[in-house]
Amino acid sequence: MTDVADAPVSPKAPASVSELIEALGLSWLAGRFGHKNASTVQGWKVRNYIPGEHWLTIVSAASVKGISVSVENLASWHAEERGTQGGAP
């Protein structure tokens, strides 16, 4: 029987775009998109929003870092964020 204390600890799954970007790192993520500086990614973090055309790249980047996130997570966060602002998704 394996002791729970001996089980590997996985990183906490992010609960928002902001948490995801924080976990990935602004500069590292900006580099994945070919940006020299992180201002675009910083804007996503501030707005808690990643444009849909980047979701697959984000999921792939998160996988490289061992962070579990899916397109479904991103879609859900997008819907929540748009709902709080009263705009259409």
N, C-alpha and C. Protein backbone atom coordinates (compact mmCIF):
# COMPACT_ATOMS: atom_id res chain seq x y z
N MET A 1 0.84 -1.17 0.00
CA MET A 1 0.00 0.00 0.00
C MET A 1 0.89 1.24 0.00
N THR A 2 0.59 2.19 -0.86
CA THR A 2 1.38 3.41 -0.98
C THR A 2 0.85 4.46 -0.03
N ASP A 3 1.77 5.07 0.70
CA ASP A 3 1.39 6.15 1.60
C ASP A 3 1.10 7.39 0.77
N VAL A 4 0.02 8.08 1.08
CA VAL A 4 -0.37 9.28 0.34
C VAL A 4 0.75 10.32 0.38
N ALA A 5 1.47 10.38 1.48
CA ALA A 5 2.56 11.35 1.61
C ALA A 5 3.67 11.09 0.60
N ASP A 6 3.78 9.84 0.10
CA ASP A 6 4.81 9.49 -0.86
C ASP A 6 4.38 9.74 -2.30
N ALA A 7 3.11 10.05 -2.50
CA ALA A 7 2.61 10.26 -3.85
C ALA A 7 3.20 11.55 -4.42
N PRO A 8 3.49 11.55 -5.74
CA PRO A 8 4.03 12.77 -6.34
C PRO A 8 3.00 13.90 -6.26
N VAL A 9 3.49 15.09 -6.06
CA VAL A 9 2.63 16.25 -5.97
C VAL A 9 2.62 16.93 -7.33
N SER A 10 1.43 17.07 -7.89
CA SER A 10 1.32 17.76 -9.17
C SER A 10 1.02 19.23 -8.90
N PRO A 11 1.48 20.09 -9.81
CA PRO A 11 1.19 21.51 -9.60
C PRO A 11 -0.31 21.77 -9.62
N LYS A 12 -0.73 22.76 -8.86
CA LYS A 12 -2.14 23.13 -8.81
C LYS A 12 -2.58 23.58 -10.19
N ALA A 13 -3.70 23.06 -10.63
CA ALA A 13 -4.23 23.47 -11.92
C ALA A 13 -4.69 24.92 -11.82
N PRO A 14 -4.37 25.73 -12.80
CA PRO A 14 -4.80 27.12 -12.76
C PRO A 14 -6.33 27.22 -12.83
N ALA A 15 -6.87 28.26 -12.21
CA ALA A 15 -8.31 28.45 -12.18
C ALA A 15 -8.76 29.64 -13.02
N SER A 16 -7.80 30.28 -13.69
CA SER A 16 -8.14 31.44 -14.51
C SER A 16 -7.01 31.69 -15.52
N VAL A 17 -7.29 32.53 -16.48
CA VAL A 17 -6.26 32.92 -17.45
C VAL A 17 -5.09 33.56 -16.72
N SER A 18 -5.39 34.44 -15.79
CA SER A 18 -4.34 35.13 -15.04
C SER A 18 -3.43 34.14 -14.31
N GLU A 19 -4.03 33.16 -13.64
CA GLU A 19 -3.24 32.14 -12.94
C GLU A 19 -2.42 31.31 -13.92
N LEU A 20 -3.01 30.98 -15.07
CA LEU A 20 -2.30 30.20 -16.08
C LEU A 20 -1.08 30.95 -16.58
N ILE A 21 -1.25 32.21 -16.92
CA ILE A 21 -0.13 33.01 -17.43
C ILE A 21 0.94 33.17 -16.36
N GLU A 22 0.52 33.36 -15.12
CA GLU A 22 1.47 33.45 -14.01
C GLU A 22 2.28 32.16 -13.90
N ALA A 23 1.61 31.02 -14.01
CA ALA A 23 2.29 29.73 -13.90
C ALA A 23 3.26 29.50 -15.06
N LEU A 24 2.89 29.94 -16.25
CA LEU A 24 3.74 29.74 -17.42
C LEU A 24 4.90 30.72 -17.45
N GLY A 25 4.69 31.91 -16.95
CA GLY A 25 5.72 32.95 -16.99
C GLY A 25 5.52 33.85 -18.19
N LEU A 26 5.44 35.13 -17.94
CA LEU A 26 5.18 36.10 -19.01
C LEU A 26 6.22 36.03 -20.13
N SER A 27 7.47 36.13 -19.77
CA SER A 27 8.53 36.16 -20.79
C SER A 27 8.62 34.85 -21.56
N TRP A 28 8.50 33.73 -20.84
CA TRP A 28 8.57 32.43 -21.51
C TRP A 28 7.44 32.29 -22.50
N LEU A 29 6.24 32.65 -22.09
CA LEU A 29 5.07 32.53 -22.96
C LEU A 29 5.18 33.49 -24.14
N ALA A 30 5.62 34.70 -23.89
CA ALA A 30 5.81 35.66 -24.98
C ALA A 30 6.79 35.10 -26.01
N GLY A 31 7.83 34.45 -25.54
CA GLY A 31 8.80 33.84 -26.45
C GLY A 31 8.19 32.75 -27.30
N ARG A 32 7.23 32.01 -26.76
CA ARG A 32 6.55 30.96 -27.53
C ARG A 32 5.77 31.56 -28.70
N PHE A 33 5.39 32.83 -28.58
CA PHE A 33 4.66 33.51 -29.64
C PHE A 33 5.58 34.38 -30.50
N GLY A 34 6.88 34.33 -30.22
CA GLY A 34 7.84 35.08 -31.01
C GLY A 34 7.93 36.56 -30.67
N HIS A 35 7.43 36.94 -29.51
CA HIS A 35 7.50 38.35 -29.10
C HIS A 35 8.81 38.61 -28.37
N LYS A 36 9.40 39.77 -28.60
CA LYS A 36 10.64 40.14 -27.92
C LYS A 36 10.37 40.60 -26.49
N ASN A 37 9.19 41.16 -26.26
CA ASN A 37 8.84 41.56 -24.89
C ASN A 37 7.48 40.96 -24.55
N ALA A 38 7.14 41.07 -23.30
CA ALA A 38 5.95 40.37 -22.80
C ALA A 38 4.69 41.24 -22.75
N SER A 39 4.69 42.39 -23.41
CA SER A 39 3.56 43.31 -23.25
C SER A 39 2.23 42.73 -23.74
N THR A 40 2.24 41.97 -24.83
CA THR A 40 1.00 41.37 -25.33
C THR A 40 0.44 40.38 -24.32
N VAL A 41 1.32 39.51 -23.83
CA VAL A 41 0.90 38.49 -22.85
C VAL A 41 0.50 39.16 -21.54
N GLN A 42 1.19 40.22 -21.16
CA GLN A 42 0.82 40.97 -19.96
C GLN A 42 -0.60 41.52 -20.11
N GLY A 43 -0.93 42.00 -21.30
CA GLY A 43 -2.29 42.50 -21.55
C GLY A 43 -3.33 41.41 -21.39
N TRP A 44 -3.00 40.21 -21.87
CA TRP A 44 -3.93 39.08 -21.69
C TRP A 44 -4.15 38.81 -20.21
N LYS A 45 -3.06 38.86 -19.45
CA LYS A 45 -3.16 38.58 -18.02
C LYS A 45 -4.03 39.63 -17.33
N VAL A 46 -3.79 40.90 -17.65
CA VAL A 46 -4.55 41.99 -17.04
C VAL A 46 -6.03 41.87 -17.38
N ARG A 47 -6.32 41.54 -18.65
CA ARG A 47 -7.72 41.43 -19.08
C ARG A 47 -8.33 40.07 -18.73
N ASN A 48 -7.48 39.13 -18.25
CA ASN A 48 -7.92 37.76 -17.94
C ASN A 48 -8.57 37.12 -19.17
N TYR A 49 -7.90 37.31 -20.31
CA TYR A 49 -8.47 36.90 -21.60
C TYR A 49 -7.35 36.56 -22.58
N ILE A 50 -7.47 35.41 -23.21
CA ILE A 50 -6.55 35.01 -24.29
C ILE A 50 -7.40 34.87 -25.54
N PRO A 51 -7.02 35.55 -26.63
CA PRO A 51 -7.78 35.41 -27.88
C PRO A 51 -7.85 33.95 -28.32
N GLY A 52 -9.02 33.55 -28.81
CA GLY A 52 -9.27 32.17 -29.19
C GLY A 52 -8.28 31.59 -30.18
N GLU A 53 -7.74 32.41 -31.08
CA GLU A 53 -6.81 31.89 -32.08
C GLU A 53 -5.49 31.40 -31.46
N HIS A 54 -5.27 31.70 -30.18
CA HIS A 54 -4.03 31.27 -29.50
C HIS A 54 -4.23 30.09 -28.55
N TRP A 55 -5.46 29.62 -28.41
CA TRP A 55 -5.74 28.59 -27.40
C TRP A 55 -4.94 27.31 -27.60
N LEU A 56 -4.83 26.81 -28.82
CA LEU A 56 -4.09 25.56 -29.03
C LEU A 56 -2.62 25.72 -28.69
N THR A 57 -2.06 26.88 -29.02
CA THR A 57 -0.65 27.14 -28.66
C THR A 57 -0.50 27.21 -27.15
N ILE A 58 -1.46 27.82 -26.48
CA ILE A 58 -1.42 27.91 -25.01
C ILE A 58 -1.49 26.52 -24.39
N VAL A 59 -2.39 25.68 -24.87
CA VAL A 59 -2.52 24.32 -24.34
C VAL A 59 -1.21 23.56 -24.54
N SER A 60 -0.61 23.69 -25.70
CA SER A 60 0.67 23.04 -25.99
C SER A 60 1.78 23.57 -25.08
N ALA A 61 1.84 24.87 -24.91
CA ALA A 61 2.85 25.48 -24.05
C ALA A 61 2.69 25.02 -22.60
N ALA A 62 1.45 24.95 -22.15
CA ALA A 62 1.19 24.49 -20.78
C ALA A 62 1.64 23.05 -20.60
N SER A 63 1.42 22.23 -21.61
CA SER A 63 1.83 20.83 -21.56
C SER A 63 3.34 20.71 -21.41
N VAL A 64 4.07 21.53 -22.12
CA VAL A 64 5.54 21.54 -22.03
C VAL A 64 5.99 21.82 -20.61
N LYS A 65 5.27 22.68 -19.92
CA LYS A 65 5.60 23.04 -18.54
C LYS A 65 4.96 22.12 -17.51
N GLY A 66 4.21 21.10 -17.97
CA GLY A 66 3.58 20.17 -17.05
C GLY A 66 2.34 20.72 -16.37
N ILE A 67 1.72 21.70 -17.01
CA ILE A 67 0.52 22.33 -16.45
C ILE A 67 -0.69 21.82 -17.24
N SER A 68 -1.65 21.31 -16.52
CA SER A 68 -2.83 20.74 -17.16
C SER A 68 -3.87 21.82 -17.43
N VAL A 69 -4.10 22.08 -18.71
CA VAL A 69 -5.13 23.02 -19.13
C VAL A 69 -5.63 22.55 -20.48
N SER A 70 -6.89 22.77 -20.74
CA SER A 70 -7.49 22.31 -22.00
C SER A 70 -8.18 23.46 -22.71
N VAL A 71 -8.52 23.23 -23.96
CA VAL A 71 -9.30 24.21 -24.71
C VAL A 71 -10.63 24.43 -24.00
N GLU A 72 -11.17 23.38 -23.40
CA GLU A 72 -12.43 23.52 -22.67
C GLU A 72 -12.27 24.48 -21.48
N ASN A 73 -11.12 24.38 -20.76
CA ASN A 73 -10.86 25.32 -19.67
C ASN A 73 -10.84 26.75 -20.20
N LEU A 74 -10.11 26.95 -21.28
CA LEU A 74 -9.99 28.29 -21.85
C LEU A 74 -11.35 28.82 -22.30
N ALA A 75 -12.15 27.96 -22.92
CA ALA A 75 -13.48 28.36 -23.37
C ALA A 75 -14.36 28.74 -22.18
N SER A 76 -14.28 27.97 -21.12
CA SER A 76 -15.07 28.25 -19.92
C SER A 76 -14.65 29.58 -19.30
N TRP A 77 -13.34 29.80 -19.19
CA TRP A 77 -12.85 31.07 -18.63
C TRP A 77 -13.27 32.24 -19.50
N HIS A 78 -13.21 32.03 -20.81
CA HIS A 78 -13.61 33.07 -21.75
C HIS A 78 -15.09 33.43 -21.53
N ALA A 79 -15.92 32.41 -21.45
CA ALA A 79 -17.36 32.63 -21.26
C ALA A 79 -17.62 33.35 -19.93
N GLU A 80 -16.93 32.93 -18.88
CA GLU A 80 -17.10 33.57 -17.57
C GLU A 80 -16.69 35.03 -17.63
N GLU A 81 -15.56 35.31 -18.24
CA GLU A 81 -15.04 36.68 -18.31
C GLU A 81 -15.96 37.55 -19.15
N ARG A 82 -16.41 37.05 -20.28
CA ARG A 82 -17.31 37.83 -21.12
C ARG A 82 -18.65 38.05 -20.41
N GLY A 83 -19.09 37.07 -19.65
CA GLY A 83 -20.33 37.21 -18.91
C GLY A 83 -20.26 38.28 -17.84
N THR A 84 -19.09 38.41 -17.19
CA THR A 84 -18.95 39.42 -16.14
C THR A 84 -18.88 40.81 -16.72
N GLN A 85 -18.53 40.92 -18.00
CA GLN A 85 -18.44 42.23 -18.62
C GLN A 85 -19.70 42.57 -19.42
N GLY A 86 -20.63 41.62 -19.47
CA GLY A 86 -21.89 41.87 -20.15
C GLY A 86 -21.81 41.82 -21.66
N GLY A 87 -20.67 41.39 -22.20
CA GLY A 87 -20.52 41.33 -23.64
C GLY A 87 -20.76 39.93 -24.19
N ALA A 88 -20.92 39.84 -25.46
CA ALA A 88 -21.09 38.53 -26.12
C ALA A 88 -19.74 37.86 -26.25
N PRO A 89 -19.69 36.53 -26.13
CA PRO A 89 -18.42 35.80 -26.31
C PRO A 89 -17.87 35.94 -27.70
